[in-house]
Protein backbone atom coordinates (compact mmCIF):
# COMPACT_ATOMS: atom_id res chain seq x y z
CA MET A 1 82.69 138.86 67.43
CA ALA A 2 80.74 141.41 69.61
CA SER A 3 77.36 138.85 69.29
CA SER A 4 79.58 135.99 70.27
CA VAL A 5 80.41 137.50 73.67
CA ALA A 6 76.90 138.39 73.78
CA ILE A 7 75.24 134.86 73.44
CA SER A 8 77.96 132.97 74.93
CA PRO A 9 77.19 133.89 78.71
CA ALA A 10 73.92 133.09 77.81
CA VAL A 11 74.56 129.35 76.37
CA GLN A 12 77.43 128.98 78.98
CA SER A 13 74.43 129.52 82.36
CA GLY A 14 72.18 127.51 79.90
CA LEU A 15 74.16 123.98 80.57
CA ASP A 16 75.83 125.17 82.93
CA ALA A 17 76.20 121.64 85.15
CA ASN A 18 77.31 123.82 88.26
CA ARG A 19 73.62 125.40 88.41
CA ARG A 20 71.93 124.72 91.52
CA ASP A 21 68.66 123.78 90.38
CA GLY A 22 67.20 120.24 88.92
CA PHE A 23 68.95 121.19 85.43
CA GLY A 24 71.86 121.28 86.85
CA MET A 25 71.77 118.06 89.08
CA VAL A 26 70.45 116.11 85.53
CA LEU A 27 73.92 117.68 84.38
CA SER A 28 75.87 117.15 86.27
CA GLY A 29 74.78 113.00 86.32
CA ALA A 30 74.61 112.85 82.52
CA LEU A 31 78.02 114.24 81.66
CA PRO A 32 80.44 111.35 82.86
CA LEU A 33 77.72 108.91 80.97
CA CYS A 34 78.60 111.46 77.73
CA VAL A 35 81.96 111.32 78.48
CA PHE A 36 82.06 107.62 78.79
CA ILE A 37 80.11 107.21 75.30
CA ILE A 38 82.36 109.83 73.52
CA ALA A 39 85.38 107.62 74.70
CA ASN A 40 83.82 104.41 73.82
CA GLY A 41 83.48 105.86 70.80
CA LEU A 42 87.30 106.69 70.07
CA ALA A 43 88.25 103.51 71.39
CA GLU A 44 86.16 101.87 68.96
CA LEU A 45 88.10 103.60 66.23
CA VAL A 46 91.43 101.95 67.13
CA GLY A 47 89.42 98.81 68.18
CA VAL A 48 89.67 98.80 71.71
CA LEU A 49 86.71 97.97 73.44
CA PRO A 50 86.00 98.13 77.52
CA LEU A 51 85.53 95.30 79.59
CA PHE A 52 83.34 95.80 82.74
CA PHE A 53 83.99 92.81 85.60
CA ALA A 54 81.39 91.06 85.94
CA PRO A 55 81.60 88.18 89.24
CA PHE A 56 79.46 85.10 90.03
CA GLY A 57 78.69 84.00 86.50
CA LEU A 58 77.23 87.14 86.08
CA PRO A 59 76.43 88.11 82.73
CA GLY A 60 78.85 90.91 81.29
CA TRP A 61 75.45 93.75 80.92
CA ILE A 62 75.03 93.67 84.23
CA GLY A 63 78.57 94.23 85.66
CA ALA A 64 78.74 97.00 82.58
CA ALA A 65 75.40 98.43 84.30
CA LEU A 66 76.85 98.83 87.87
CA HIS A 67 80.20 100.43 86.28
CA LEU A 68 78.75 102.69 84.20
CA GLY A 69 75.04 103.26 87.05
CA SER A 70 78.03 104.78 89.30
CA LEU A 71 78.95 107.64 87.26
CA PRO A 72 75.96 109.42 87.36
CA LEU A 73 75.64 109.34 91.00
CA PHE A 74 80.00 110.39 91.14
CA GLY A 75 78.53 113.35 88.96
CA VAL A 76 75.37 114.66 91.53
CA ALA A 77 77.74 113.78 94.65
CA ARG A 78 80.12 116.09 92.96
CA TRP A 79 77.05 118.72 91.95
CA MET A 80 76.19 118.64 95.57
CA VAL A 81 79.16 119.41 97.27
CA VAL A 82 81.13 121.93 94.51
CA GLU A 83 79.11 124.77 95.84
CA CYS A 84 80.67 124.68 99.30
CA GLY A 85 83.42 126.98 99.26
CA ARG A 86 87.17 125.21 98.27
CA ASP A 87 86.67 122.50 100.34
CA GLY A 88 83.77 122.02 97.92
CA ARG A 89 85.56 122.62 95.13
CA ARG A 90 88.67 120.15 95.83
CA ALA A 91 86.07 117.63 97.03
CA GLY A 92 84.98 118.47 93.73
CA TRP A 93 88.00 117.87 91.55
CA TRP A 94 88.65 114.92 93.81
CA LEU A 95 85.48 113.40 92.30
CA VAL A 96 86.72 114.32 88.66
CA GLY A 97 89.57 112.40 88.72
CA LEU A 98 87.76 109.18 90.31
CA MET A 99 85.19 109.91 87.94
CA ALA A 100 88.09 109.56 84.75
CA GLY A 101 89.47 106.72 86.14
CA SER A 102 86.66 104.45 86.60
CA ILE A 103 85.95 106.39 82.56
CA ALA A 104 89.57 104.97 81.85
CA LEU A 105 89.45 101.86 83.71
CA PRO A 106 87.18 99.58 81.23
CA PHE A 107 89.68 100.15 78.16
CA MET A 108 92.89 99.19 80.02
CA ALA A 109 91.42 96.45 81.84
CA PRO A 110 92.51 94.41 77.88
CA GLN A 111 95.96 95.63 78.16
CA LEU A 112 96.65 94.76 82.00
CA ASP A 113 97.40 91.13 83.37
CA GLN A 114 95.11 90.53 85.87
CA LEU A 115 97.86 91.47 88.53
CA LEU A 116 97.80 95.13 86.55
CA LEU A 117 94.24 95.29 86.42
CA SER A 118 94.00 94.19 89.89
CA VAL A 119 96.40 96.82 91.24
CA THR A 120 94.95 99.48 89.24
CA THR A 121 91.34 98.45 90.46
CA VAL A 122 92.38 98.74 93.91
CA ALA A 123 93.88 101.40 93.63
CA LEU A 124 91.09 103.71 92.26
CA PHE A 125 89.24 102.41 94.84
CA LEU A 126 91.56 104.17 97.62
CA VAL A 127 90.86 107.61 95.39
CA GLY A 128 87.13 107.01 95.69
CA LEU A 129 87.77 106.16 99.26
CA ALA A 130 89.74 109.49 99.65
CA ALA A 131 87.24 110.91 97.76
CA ALA A 132 84.26 109.91 99.83
CA ALA A 133 86.11 111.44 103.13
CA ARG A 134 85.76 114.81 101.29
CA VAL A 135 83.08 114.48 100.49
CA ALA A 136 81.72 113.72 103.61
CA LYS A 137 82.86 116.27 105.36
CA LEU A 138 80.45 118.53 103.32
CA SER A 139 77.62 116.28 102.70
CA ALA A 140 76.27 112.76 104.03
CA LEU A 141 73.49 112.42 101.29
CA ALA A 142 76.71 112.97 98.84
CA ALA A 143 79.07 110.36 100.29
CA LEU A 144 76.30 108.04 100.73
CA LEU A 145 75.57 108.70 96.65
CA MET A 146 79.06 107.40 96.04
CA ALA A 147 78.38 104.29 98.29
CA PRO A 148 77.36 102.09 95.41
CA GLY A 149 79.78 102.87 92.67
CA LEU A 150 82.39 102.53 95.65
CA VAL A 151 81.20 99.03 96.70
CA TRP A 152 81.50 98.19 93.06
CA MET A 153 84.91 98.91 92.96
CA GLY A 154 85.63 96.90 96.30
CA LEU A 155 84.47 94.58 95.29
CA SER A 156 86.01 93.88 92.24
CA GLY A 157 89.32 94.91 93.85
CA PHE A 158 89.16 92.43 96.51
CA VAL A 159 88.14 89.44 93.82
CA GLY A 160 90.32 90.58 91.73
CA MET A 161 93.19 90.52 94.53
CA SER A 162 91.83 87.71 95.67
CA LEU A 163 92.26 85.53 92.31
CA VAL A 164 96.40 86.67 91.73
CA ALA A 165 96.75 85.93 95.30
CA ALA A 166 94.91 82.23 95.05
CA TRP A 167 97.20 81.67 91.86
CA ALA A 168 100.27 83.06 92.54
CA PRO A 169 103.68 82.35 94.36
CA PRO A 170 103.68 80.95 97.48
CA PHE A 171 100.01 80.37 97.14
CA GLY A 172 99.93 78.83 94.06
CA LEU A 173 102.17 75.98 94.75
CA THR A 174 99.81 74.85 97.26
CA ASN A 175 96.96 75.02 95.43
CA GLY A 176 99.34 72.70 92.18
CA GLN A 177 100.42 70.43 94.64
CA GLY A 178 99.10 66.55 94.03
CA GLN A 179 97.58 67.51 90.76
CA ALA A 180 101.07 66.16 89.31
CA ALA A 181 100.05 62.40 89.92
CA HIS A 182 96.88 62.22 88.12
């Protein structure tokens, strides 16, 4: 038992994502992707496959790459602010929530209709904006790292809500006029 206690701090410090060197930054960026890979494996066991936002005729893999590419950026942003005292730790937890939502969203997408998916995406985008506001107070560079993922998430929510609004009453009635005569 004593040997496990003696080894544990060495292993813990070696794999600490908060360590203040390049390896800590790499771990912080890789950890969200590792969690996604594990979630993907577990979801595949129960027959759920992730769906990614890919508008304008883009192939699905581009949407997946853009979505998954934001996860390491969020992780590195968390790494940059977590050592900034109490406010940094709070901002870090906001980023952890944003990463968890970003990991879960593609697996929730097949079960949601277009309206619920759009609302969920917009809600996650708002969480991201709140996290970015907290991060920006501590590090402008960390907030800039978050920007590409937030832009992609915002575009997804905007396009989804636009499509829902275009085909739902009262706008849906306008779109359907004149088609019955043909």
